[in-house]
Amino acid sequence: MFVNLTDVLINEGQTVSEQVEAELTQVSVNGEAFRVIHKSPLRFTFTNTGKGRARIEGSGTLIFAARCDRCLKPVEEKLELDFNREVFAPDRIGDSSEVRDDQRFMAGCQLDVEDLLKNEIVINWPMKILCKPGCKGMCLRCGKDLNTGTCGCDTFVPDPRMAVIKDIFDANKEV
């Protein structure tokens, strides 16, 4: 979906508020696709900040279907988005590559809401998605969910500094 910003970019001091329904149904983050379960309408405020310049302020809420990073249970991840960007009219961009990189979601004087939204999702994506803060994950040997109880597997991890001595003893063992 595109929003025309021509009036805001041309008229100094103009402010326009708009509510936009996102058409996003899934998003890819770190090579994995996440389905959008719920999305609130995005609220935008476009403000002219000078000749050919505008500030985009917006907010919205998205809920994604994901999996816990430790135990792989299905989780609904809520993402609150609040963003503040400055954009320029096409004739004001010039040769600055820094400005051009930040304007990927602009097509002339049109704001591509989906591209902006995808960019903000990637920026605000959590480092880890957990089913609960104290998730214990899965047993590395048998795969049992450790949130439901212990599995009985041997969890002894030998000290890696003693590996050389262990190799000496293993070499002298009679078969």
N, C-alpha and C. Protein backbone atom coordinates (compact mmCIF):
# COMPACT_ATOMS: atom_id res chain seq x y z
N MET A 1 0.84 -1.17 0.00
CA MET A 1 0.00 0.00 0.00
C MET A 1 0.89 1.24 0.00
N PHE A 2 0.51 2.22 -0.80
CA PHE A 2 1.26 3.45 -0.92
C PHE A 2 0.46 4.62 -0.35
N VAL A 3 1.17 5.56 0.28
CA VAL A 3 0.56 6.79 0.79
C VAL A 3 1.27 7.94 0.09
N ASN A 4 0.49 8.83 -0.50
CA ASN A 4 1.04 9.97 -1.24
C ASN A 4 1.43 11.07 -0.25
N LEU A 5 2.71 11.47 -0.28
CA LEU A 5 3.23 12.50 0.62
C LEU A 5 3.52 13.81 -0.10
N THR A 6 3.04 13.97 -1.31
CA THR A 6 3.35 15.16 -2.11
C THR A 6 2.93 16.43 -1.38
N ASP A 7 1.69 16.49 -0.87
CA ASP A 7 1.21 17.70 -0.18
C ASP A 7 2.07 18.05 1.03
N VAL A 8 2.45 17.05 1.79
CA VAL A 8 3.26 17.29 2.98
C VAL A 8 4.66 17.75 2.60
N LEU A 9 5.26 17.17 1.57
CA LEU A 9 6.61 17.54 1.16
C LEU A 9 6.66 18.94 0.55
N ILE A 10 5.58 19.39 -0.06
CA ILE A 10 5.56 20.70 -0.74
C ILE A 10 5.19 21.84 0.21
N ASN A 11 4.20 21.64 1.07
CA ASN A 11 3.67 22.72 1.92
C ASN A 11 4.37 22.75 3.27
N GLU A 12 5.15 23.81 3.49
CA GLU A 12 5.90 23.93 4.74
C GLU A 12 4.96 24.07 5.92
N GLY A 13 5.26 23.33 6.99
CA GLY A 13 4.48 23.39 8.22
C GLY A 13 3.24 22.51 8.23
N GLN A 14 2.95 21.85 7.15
CA GLN A 14 1.74 21.03 7.08
C GLN A 14 1.91 19.73 7.84
N THR A 15 0.83 19.34 8.53
CA THR A 15 0.80 18.08 9.25
C THR A 15 -0.45 17.32 8.84
N VAL A 16 -0.27 16.04 8.55
CA VAL A 16 -1.38 15.18 8.15
C VAL A 16 -1.32 13.92 8.99
N SER A 17 -2.46 13.53 9.57
CA SER A 17 -2.56 12.27 10.31
C SER A 17 -3.39 11.31 9.48
N GLU A 18 -2.97 10.04 9.49
CA GLU A 18 -3.66 9.05 8.69
C GLU A 18 -3.57 7.70 9.37
N GLN A 19 -4.61 6.90 9.20
CA GLN A 19 -4.63 5.55 9.72
C GLN A 19 -4.66 4.61 8.52
N VAL A 20 -3.75 3.61 8.53
CA VAL A 20 -3.59 2.72 7.39
C VAL A 20 -3.70 1.27 7.86
N GLU A 21 -4.45 0.48 7.12
CA GLU A 21 -4.53 -0.96 7.37
C GLU A 21 -3.38 -1.63 6.62
N ALA A 22 -2.53 -2.33 7.32
CA ALA A 22 -1.42 -3.05 6.68
C ALA A 22 -1.95 -4.31 6.02
N GLU A 23 -1.41 -4.62 4.85
CA GLU A 23 -1.82 -5.81 4.11
C GLU A 23 -0.88 -6.98 4.36
N LEU A 24 0.04 -6.82 5.26
CA LEU A 24 1.06 -7.81 5.55
C LEU A 24 0.45 -9.08 6.15
N THR A 25 0.76 -10.25 5.57
CA THR A 25 0.25 -11.52 6.10
C THR A 25 1.36 -12.38 6.70
N GLN A 26 2.60 -12.15 6.28
CA GLN A 26 3.75 -12.82 6.89
C GLN A 26 4.98 -11.96 6.66
N VAL A 27 6.00 -12.23 7.46
CA VAL A 27 7.25 -11.49 7.33
C VAL A 27 8.41 -12.46 7.52
N SER A 28 9.50 -12.21 6.82
CA SER A 28 10.70 -13.04 6.96
C SER A 28 11.75 -12.29 7.77
N VAL A 29 12.24 -12.96 8.80
CA VAL A 29 13.29 -12.41 9.65
C VAL A 29 14.34 -13.49 9.83
N ASN A 30 15.58 -13.19 9.54
CA ASN A 30 16.69 -14.14 9.65
C ASN A 30 16.43 -15.42 8.87
N GLY A 31 15.83 -15.30 7.71
CA GLY A 31 15.60 -16.44 6.85
C GLY A 31 14.41 -17.31 7.23
N GLU A 32 13.66 -16.94 8.24
CA GLU A 32 12.50 -17.71 8.67
C GLU A 32 11.24 -16.88 8.48
N ALA A 33 10.17 -17.50 7.98
CA ALA A 33 8.91 -16.79 7.74
C ALA A 33 8.00 -16.93 8.96
N PHE A 34 7.40 -15.82 9.36
CA PHE A 34 6.48 -15.78 10.49
C PHE A 34 5.13 -15.26 10.01
N ARG A 35 4.06 -16.00 10.35
CA ARG A 35 2.71 -15.62 9.94
C ARG A 35 2.17 -14.54 10.87
N VAL A 36 1.52 -13.54 10.31
CA VAL A 36 0.91 -12.47 11.10
C VAL A 36 -0.47 -12.96 11.54
N ILE A 37 -0.70 -13.03 12.85
CA ILE A 37 -1.97 -13.47 13.41
C ILE A 37 -2.93 -12.30 13.54
N HIS A 38 -2.42 -11.18 14.05
CA HIS A 38 -3.26 -10.00 14.27
C HIS A 38 -2.43 -8.75 13.97
N LYS A 39 -3.08 -7.74 13.44
CA LYS A 39 -2.42 -6.45 13.21
C LYS A 39 -3.40 -5.33 13.49
N SER A 40 -2.93 -4.36 14.22
CA SER A 40 -3.76 -3.18 14.47
C SER A 40 -3.52 -2.19 13.33
N PRO A 41 -4.47 -1.29 13.09
CA PRO A 41 -4.22 -0.27 12.07
C PRO A 41 -2.99 0.56 12.45
N LEU A 42 -2.20 0.92 11.47
CA LEU A 42 -1.02 1.75 11.71
C LEU A 42 -1.45 3.21 11.74
N ARG A 43 -1.01 3.93 12.77
CA ARG A 43 -1.32 5.35 12.89
C ARG A 43 -0.09 6.15 12.48
N PHE A 44 -0.27 7.01 11.50
CA PHE A 44 0.83 7.83 10.99
C PHE A 44 0.54 9.31 11.20
N THR A 45 1.61 10.06 11.43
CA THR A 45 1.56 11.52 11.40
C THR A 45 2.70 11.96 10.51
N PHE A 46 2.36 12.68 9.45
CA PHE A 46 3.35 13.20 8.50
C PHE A 46 3.46 14.70 8.72
N THR A 47 4.66 15.18 9.00
CA THR A 47 4.88 16.60 9.29
C THR A 47 5.98 17.14 8.40
N ASN A 48 5.71 18.27 7.74
CA ASN A 48 6.73 18.93 6.93
C ASN A 48 7.71 19.59 7.88
N THR A 49 9.01 19.33 7.69
CA THR A 49 10.05 19.89 8.56
C THR A 49 10.97 20.83 7.80
N GLY A 50 10.61 21.20 6.60
CA GLY A 50 11.43 22.09 5.78
C GLY A 50 11.13 21.83 4.32
N LYS A 51 11.76 22.59 3.48
CA LYS A 51 11.50 22.47 2.04
C LYS A 51 11.90 21.08 1.54
N GLY A 52 10.91 20.31 1.10
CA GLY A 52 11.16 18.98 0.56
C GLY A 52 11.51 17.93 1.60
N ARG A 53 11.20 18.20 2.87
CA ARG A 53 11.51 17.25 3.95
C ARG A 53 10.25 16.98 4.76
N ALA A 54 10.13 15.77 5.25
CA ALA A 54 8.99 15.43 6.11
C ALA A 54 9.41 14.40 7.14
N ARG A 55 8.77 14.48 8.30
CA ARG A 55 9.01 13.51 9.37
C ARG A 55 7.82 12.56 9.39
N ILE A 56 8.09 11.28 9.45
CA ILE A 56 7.05 10.26 9.54
C ILE A 56 7.11 9.67 10.94
N GLU A 57 6.03 9.83 11.68
CA GLU A 57 5.92 9.22 13.00
C GLU A 57 4.78 8.23 12.93
N GLY A 58 4.97 7.06 13.50
CA GLY A 58 3.92 6.06 13.43
C GLY A 58 4.01 5.05 14.54
N SER A 59 2.92 4.29 14.68
CA SER A 59 2.88 3.24 15.68
C SER A 59 1.85 2.20 15.26
N GLY A 60 2.00 1.03 15.82
CA GLY A 60 1.08 -0.07 15.55
C GLY A 60 1.49 -1.30 16.32
N THR A 61 0.63 -2.30 16.31
CA THR A 61 0.90 -3.55 17.02
C THR A 61 0.69 -4.71 16.06
N LEU A 62 1.61 -5.66 16.11
CA LEU A 62 1.51 -6.88 15.31
C LEU A 62 1.71 -8.07 16.23
N ILE A 63 0.99 -9.17 15.95
CA ILE A 63 1.18 -10.41 16.69
C ILE A 63 1.53 -11.49 15.67
N PHE A 64 2.65 -12.18 15.92
CA PHE A 64 3.17 -13.20 15.01
C PHE A 64 3.06 -14.59 15.63
N ALA A 65 2.93 -15.60 14.78
CA ALA A 65 3.02 -16.99 15.20
C ALA A 65 4.49 -17.38 15.09
N ALA A 66 5.06 -17.80 16.21
CA ALA A 66 6.49 -18.16 16.24
C ALA A 66 6.66 -19.42 17.08
N ARG A 67 7.90 -19.81 17.28
CA ARG A 67 8.23 -20.95 18.13
C ARG A 67 9.23 -20.48 19.18
N CYS A 68 9.12 -21.06 20.37
CA CYS A 68 10.06 -20.76 21.45
C CYS A 68 11.45 -21.18 20.99
N ASP A 69 12.44 -20.32 21.20
CA ASP A 69 13.80 -20.62 20.77
C ASP A 69 14.46 -21.72 21.60
N ARG A 70 13.90 -22.06 22.75
CA ARG A 70 14.50 -23.10 23.59
C ARG A 70 13.77 -24.43 23.52
N CYS A 71 12.43 -24.41 23.56
CA CYS A 71 11.69 -25.69 23.61
C CYS A 71 10.83 -25.94 22.37
N LEU A 72 10.78 -25.00 21.45
CA LEU A 72 10.07 -25.11 20.17
C LEU A 72 8.55 -25.17 20.29
N LYS A 73 7.98 -24.76 21.43
CA LYS A 73 6.53 -24.69 21.56
C LYS A 73 6.01 -23.50 20.74
N PRO A 74 4.80 -23.61 20.20
CA PRO A 74 4.21 -22.47 19.49
C PRO A 74 3.98 -21.30 20.46
N VAL A 75 4.30 -20.10 19.99
CA VAL A 75 4.19 -18.89 20.80
C VAL A 75 3.59 -17.79 19.95
N GLU A 76 2.79 -16.93 20.57
CA GLU A 76 2.33 -15.71 19.91
C GLU A 76 3.22 -14.57 20.39
N GLU A 77 3.95 -13.97 19.48
CA GLU A 77 4.90 -12.89 19.82
C GLU A 77 4.29 -11.56 19.44
N LYS A 78 4.12 -10.69 20.44
CA LYS A 78 3.55 -9.36 20.22
C LYS A 78 4.68 -8.37 19.99
N LEU A 79 4.53 -7.57 18.96
CA LEU A 79 5.55 -6.59 18.61
C LEU A 79 4.91 -5.21 18.55
N GLU A 80 5.31 -4.33 19.46
CA GLU A 80 4.84 -2.95 19.49
C GLU A 80 5.81 -2.11 18.66
N LEU A 81 5.31 -1.46 17.65
CA LEU A 81 6.14 -0.65 16.78
C LEU A 81 5.88 0.83 17.01
N ASP A 82 6.93 1.59 17.24
CA ASP A 82 6.91 3.04 17.31
C ASP A 82 8.10 3.51 16.50
N PHE A 83 7.84 4.31 15.48
CA PHE A 83 8.95 4.73 14.63
C PHE A 83 8.86 6.19 14.30
N ASN A 84 10.03 6.74 13.96
CA ASN A 84 10.18 8.15 13.65
C ASN A 84 11.25 8.24 12.57
N ARG A 85 10.87 8.61 11.37
CA ARG A 85 11.79 8.68 10.24
C ARG A 85 11.68 10.03 9.55
N GLU A 86 12.75 10.43 8.90
CA GLU A 86 12.71 11.63 8.08
C GLU A 86 12.92 11.23 6.63
N VAL A 87 12.08 11.78 5.75
CA VAL A 87 12.16 11.47 4.33
C VAL A 87 12.29 12.77 3.55
N PHE A 88 12.77 12.64 2.31
CA PHE A 88 13.02 13.79 1.46
C PHE A 88 12.31 13.63 0.13
N ALA A 89 11.96 14.76 -0.46
CA ALA A 89 11.40 14.74 -1.81
C ALA A 89 12.48 14.24 -2.76
N PRO A 90 12.08 13.63 -3.89
CA PRO A 90 13.07 13.07 -4.82
C PRO A 90 14.10 14.09 -5.31
N ASP A 91 13.71 15.35 -5.47
CA ASP A 91 14.65 16.36 -5.95
C ASP A 91 15.60 16.85 -4.86
N ARG A 92 15.35 16.49 -3.60
CA ARG A 92 16.20 16.92 -2.48
C ARG A 92 17.19 15.85 -2.02
N ILE A 93 17.08 14.64 -2.57
CA ILE A 93 17.94 13.54 -2.12
C ILE A 93 19.39 13.79 -2.49
N GLY A 94 19.66 14.22 -3.70
CA GLY A 94 21.02 14.50 -4.12
C GLY A 94 21.82 13.22 -4.30
N ASP A 95 23.14 13.32 -4.11
CA ASP A 95 24.04 12.20 -4.33
C ASP A 95 24.42 11.46 -3.05
N SER A 96 23.86 11.87 -1.93
CA SER A 96 24.23 11.25 -0.66
C SER A 96 23.69 9.82 -0.59
N SER A 97 24.59 8.85 -0.57
CA SER A 97 24.17 7.44 -0.51
C SER A 97 23.53 7.13 0.84
N GLU A 98 23.93 7.87 1.89
CA GLU A 98 23.35 7.65 3.22
C GLU A 98 21.85 7.94 3.20
N VAL A 99 21.46 9.01 2.55
CA VAL A 99 20.04 9.36 2.46
C VAL A 99 19.32 8.36 1.57
N ARG A 100 19.92 7.95 0.47
CA ARG A 100 19.27 7.00 -0.44
C ARG A 100 19.03 5.66 0.24
N ASP A 101 19.96 5.20 1.07
CA ASP A 101 19.77 3.92 1.77
C ASP A 101 18.61 4.00 2.77
N ASP A 102 18.43 5.16 3.39
CA ASP A 102 17.37 5.33 4.36
C ASP A 102 16.02 5.56 3.69
N GLN A 103 16.01 5.76 2.39
CA GLN A 103 14.78 6.07 1.65
C GLN A 103 14.30 4.88 0.81
N ARG A 104 14.73 3.68 1.12
CA ARG A 104 14.34 2.51 0.33
C ARG A 104 12.83 2.32 0.28
N PHE A 105 12.12 2.79 1.28
CA PHE A 105 10.67 2.61 1.33
C PHE A 105 9.92 3.76 0.67
N MET A 106 10.64 4.66 0.00
CA MET A 106 10.01 5.75 -0.73
C MET A 106 10.14 5.49 -2.22
N ALA A 107 9.05 5.70 -2.96
CA ALA A 107 9.04 5.62 -4.42
C ALA A 107 8.58 6.98 -4.92
N GLY A 108 9.55 7.86 -5.19
CA GLY A 108 9.21 9.24 -5.54
C GLY A 108 8.66 9.93 -4.31
N CYS A 109 7.43 10.42 -4.38
CA CYS A 109 6.77 11.05 -3.23
C CYS A 109 5.78 10.10 -2.56
N GLN A 110 5.87 8.82 -2.89
CA GLN A 110 4.96 7.81 -2.35
C GLN A 110 5.68 7.00 -1.26
N LEU A 111 5.03 6.86 -0.12
CA LEU A 111 5.55 6.03 0.96
C LEU A 111 5.01 4.62 0.79
N ASP A 112 5.90 3.63 0.65
CA ASP A 112 5.50 2.23 0.58
C ASP A 112 5.38 1.72 2.02
N VAL A 113 4.16 1.66 2.51
CA VAL A 113 3.90 1.31 3.91
C VAL A 113 4.41 -0.09 4.23
N GLU A 114 4.25 -1.04 3.31
CA GLU A 114 4.68 -2.42 3.55
C GLU A 114 6.20 -2.50 3.73
N ASP A 115 6.97 -1.79 2.88
CA ASP A 115 8.43 -1.80 3.02
C ASP A 115 8.88 -1.16 4.32
N LEU A 116 8.25 -0.04 4.67
CA LEU A 116 8.58 0.62 5.93
C LEU A 116 8.27 -0.30 7.10
N LEU A 117 7.12 -0.95 7.05
CA LEU A 117 6.71 -1.85 8.12
C LEU A 117 7.66 -3.04 8.25
N LYS A 118 8.05 -3.65 7.14
CA LYS A 118 8.99 -4.77 7.17
C LYS A 118 10.32 -4.35 7.76
N ASN A 119 10.79 -3.16 7.40
CA ASN A 119 12.04 -2.63 7.92
C ASN A 119 11.95 -2.44 9.44
N GLU A 120 10.86 -1.87 9.91
CA GLU A 120 10.68 -1.65 11.35
C GLU A 120 10.55 -2.96 12.11
N ILE A 121 9.93 -3.97 11.52
CA ILE A 121 9.80 -5.27 12.17
C ILE A 121 11.18 -5.88 12.38
N VAL A 122 12.01 -5.85 11.34
CA VAL A 122 13.36 -6.42 11.45
C VAL A 122 14.18 -5.67 12.50
N ILE A 123 14.06 -4.36 12.53
CA ILE A 123 14.81 -3.56 13.52
C ILE A 123 14.36 -3.88 14.94
N ASN A 124 13.07 -4.09 15.15
CA ASN A 124 12.52 -4.29 16.50
C ASN A 124 12.34 -5.75 16.88
N TRP A 125 12.78 -6.68 16.04
CA TRP A 125 12.59 -8.11 16.32
C TRP A 125 13.37 -8.50 17.57
N PRO A 126 12.78 -9.28 18.49
CA PRO A 126 13.49 -9.66 19.71
C PRO A 126 14.65 -10.62 19.43
N MET A 127 15.68 -10.55 20.27
CA MET A 127 16.84 -11.43 20.12
C MET A 127 16.44 -12.89 20.33
N LYS A 128 15.60 -13.15 21.33
CA LYS A 128 15.12 -14.51 21.61
C LYS A 128 13.62 -14.44 21.84
N ILE A 129 12.92 -15.44 21.32
CA ILE A 129 11.49 -15.58 21.57
C ILE A 129 11.33 -16.77 22.50
N LEU A 130 10.75 -16.53 23.68
CA LEU A 130 10.59 -17.58 24.67
C LEU A 130 9.12 -17.76 25.03
N CYS A 131 8.72 -19.00 25.34
CA CYS A 131 7.34 -19.27 25.73
C CYS A 131 7.06 -18.68 27.12
N LYS A 132 8.08 -18.65 27.96
CA LYS A 132 8.01 -18.02 29.28
C LYS A 132 9.43 -17.63 29.67
N PRO A 133 9.60 -16.65 30.55
CA PRO A 133 10.95 -16.18 30.88
C PRO A 133 11.88 -17.26 31.43
N GLY A 134 11.36 -18.22 32.15
CA GLY A 134 12.21 -19.25 32.74
C GLY A 134 12.22 -20.56 31.96
N CYS A 135 12.00 -20.51 30.65
CA CYS A 135 11.95 -21.73 29.84
C CYS A 135 13.28 -22.48 29.97
N LYS A 136 13.19 -23.80 30.26
CA LYS A 136 14.38 -24.63 30.44
C LYS A 136 14.84 -25.29 29.15
N GLY A 137 14.00 -25.27 28.13
CA GLY A 137 14.40 -25.83 26.84
C GLY A 137 14.21 -27.33 26.76
N MET A 138 15.02 -27.95 25.90
CA MET A 138 14.94 -29.39 25.65
C MET A 138 16.25 -30.06 26.06
N CYS A 139 16.17 -31.34 26.42
CA CYS A 139 17.37 -32.12 26.74
C CYS A 139 18.17 -32.28 25.45
N LEU A 140 19.47 -32.06 25.54
CA LEU A 140 20.32 -32.16 24.36
C LEU A 140 20.53 -33.61 23.91
N ARG A 141 20.27 -34.56 24.80
CA ARG A 141 20.46 -35.97 24.44
C ARG A 141 19.18 -36.63 23.93
N CYS A 142 18.09 -36.51 24.68
CA CYS A 142 16.88 -37.25 24.31
C CYS A 142 15.79 -36.36 23.72
N GLY A 143 15.88 -35.03 23.87
CA GLY A 143 14.91 -34.12 23.29
C GLY A 143 13.67 -33.88 24.14
N LYS A 144 13.65 -34.35 25.40
CA LYS A 144 12.48 -34.15 26.26
C LYS A 144 12.37 -32.68 26.66
N ASP A 145 11.13 -32.21 26.75
CA ASP A 145 10.88 -30.84 27.20
C ASP A 145 11.17 -30.77 28.69
N LEU A 146 12.20 -30.02 29.07
CA LEU A 146 12.62 -29.94 30.47
C LEU A 146 11.70 -29.08 31.32
N ASN A 147 10.73 -28.38 30.71
CA ASN A 147 9.73 -27.61 31.46
C ASN A 147 8.73 -28.54 32.13
N THR A 148 8.58 -29.76 31.62
CA THR A 148 7.63 -30.72 32.18
C THR A 148 8.27 -31.64 33.21
N GLY A 149 9.58 -31.61 33.35
CA GLY A 149 10.28 -32.45 34.32
C GLY A 149 11.63 -32.88 33.77
N THR A 150 12.40 -33.54 34.63
CA THR A 150 13.73 -33.99 34.20
C THR A 150 13.60 -35.29 33.42
N CYS A 151 14.62 -35.58 32.62
CA CYS A 151 14.55 -36.76 31.75
C CYS A 151 15.39 -37.92 32.27
N GLY A 152 16.32 -37.67 33.16
CA GLY A 152 17.15 -38.74 33.69
C GLY A 152 18.43 -38.97 32.90
N CYS A 153 18.68 -38.22 31.86
CA CYS A 153 19.92 -38.37 31.09
C CYS A 153 21.11 -37.88 31.91
N ASP A 154 22.28 -38.45 31.64
CA ASP A 154 23.51 -38.03 32.30
C ASP A 154 23.88 -36.64 31.79
N THR A 155 23.91 -35.67 32.68
CA THR A 155 24.21 -34.29 32.28
C THR A 155 25.63 -33.88 32.65
N PHE A 156 26.45 -34.85 33.05
CA PHE A 156 27.83 -34.54 33.43
C PHE A 156 28.61 -34.06 32.21
N VAL A 157 29.23 -32.91 32.35
CA VAL A 157 30.07 -32.37 31.29
C VAL A 157 31.49 -32.30 31.84
N PRO A 158 32.43 -33.09 31.28
CA PRO A 158 33.79 -33.09 31.82
C PRO A 158 34.50 -31.77 31.56
N ASP A 159 35.44 -31.48 32.41
CA ASP A 159 36.23 -30.25 32.27
C ASP A 159 37.11 -30.40 31.03
N PRO A 160 37.01 -29.49 30.06
CA PRO A 160 37.80 -29.62 28.82
C PRO A 160 39.30 -29.52 29.06
N ARG A 161 39.71 -28.96 30.18
CA ARG A 161 41.15 -28.87 30.48
C ARG A 161 41.73 -30.24 30.83
N MET A 162 40.86 -31.17 31.19
CA MET A 162 41.32 -32.50 31.55
C MET A 162 41.29 -33.47 30.37
N ALA A 163 40.95 -33.00 29.18
CA ALA A 163 40.82 -33.86 28.00
C ALA A 163 42.13 -34.57 27.67
N VAL A 164 43.27 -33.90 27.85
CA VAL A 164 44.57 -34.50 27.54
C VAL A 164 44.84 -35.69 28.46
N ILE A 165 44.57 -35.52 29.74
CA ILE A 165 44.79 -36.61 30.70
C ILE A 165 43.85 -37.78 30.38
N LYS A 166 42.60 -37.47 30.03
CA LYS A 166 41.64 -38.52 29.66
C LYS A 166 42.15 -39.29 28.45
N ASP A 167 42.72 -38.60 27.48
CA ASP A 167 43.27 -39.27 26.29
C ASP A 167 44.41 -40.22 26.68
N ILE A 168 45.25 -39.80 27.63
CA ILE A 168 46.36 -40.65 28.07
C ILE A 168 45.82 -41.92 28.73
N PHE A 169 44.82 -41.77 29.61
CA PHE A 169 44.23 -42.93 30.27
C PHE A 169 43.55 -43.84 29.26
N ASP A 170 42.84 -43.25 28.29
CA ASP A 170 42.15 -44.06 27.28
C ASP A 170 43.15 -44.81 26.40
N ALA A 171 44.31 -44.23 26.14
CA ALA A 171 45.32 -44.86 25.30
C ALA A 171 45.95 -46.06 26.01
N ASN A 172 46.06 -46.01 27.35
CA ASN A 172 46.68 -47.07 28.11
C ASN A 172 45.70 -48.13 28.57
N LYS A 173 44.44 -47.99 28.23
CA LYS A 173 43.42 -48.96 28.62
C LYS A 173 43.56 -50.22 27.81
N GLU A 174 43.41 -51.36 28.45
CA GLU A 174 43.45 -52.61 27.71
C GLU A 174 42.09 -52.88 27.12
N VAL A 175 42.09 -53.36 25.91
CA VAL A 175 40.83 -53.62 25.22
C VAL A 175 40.40 -55.04 25.43
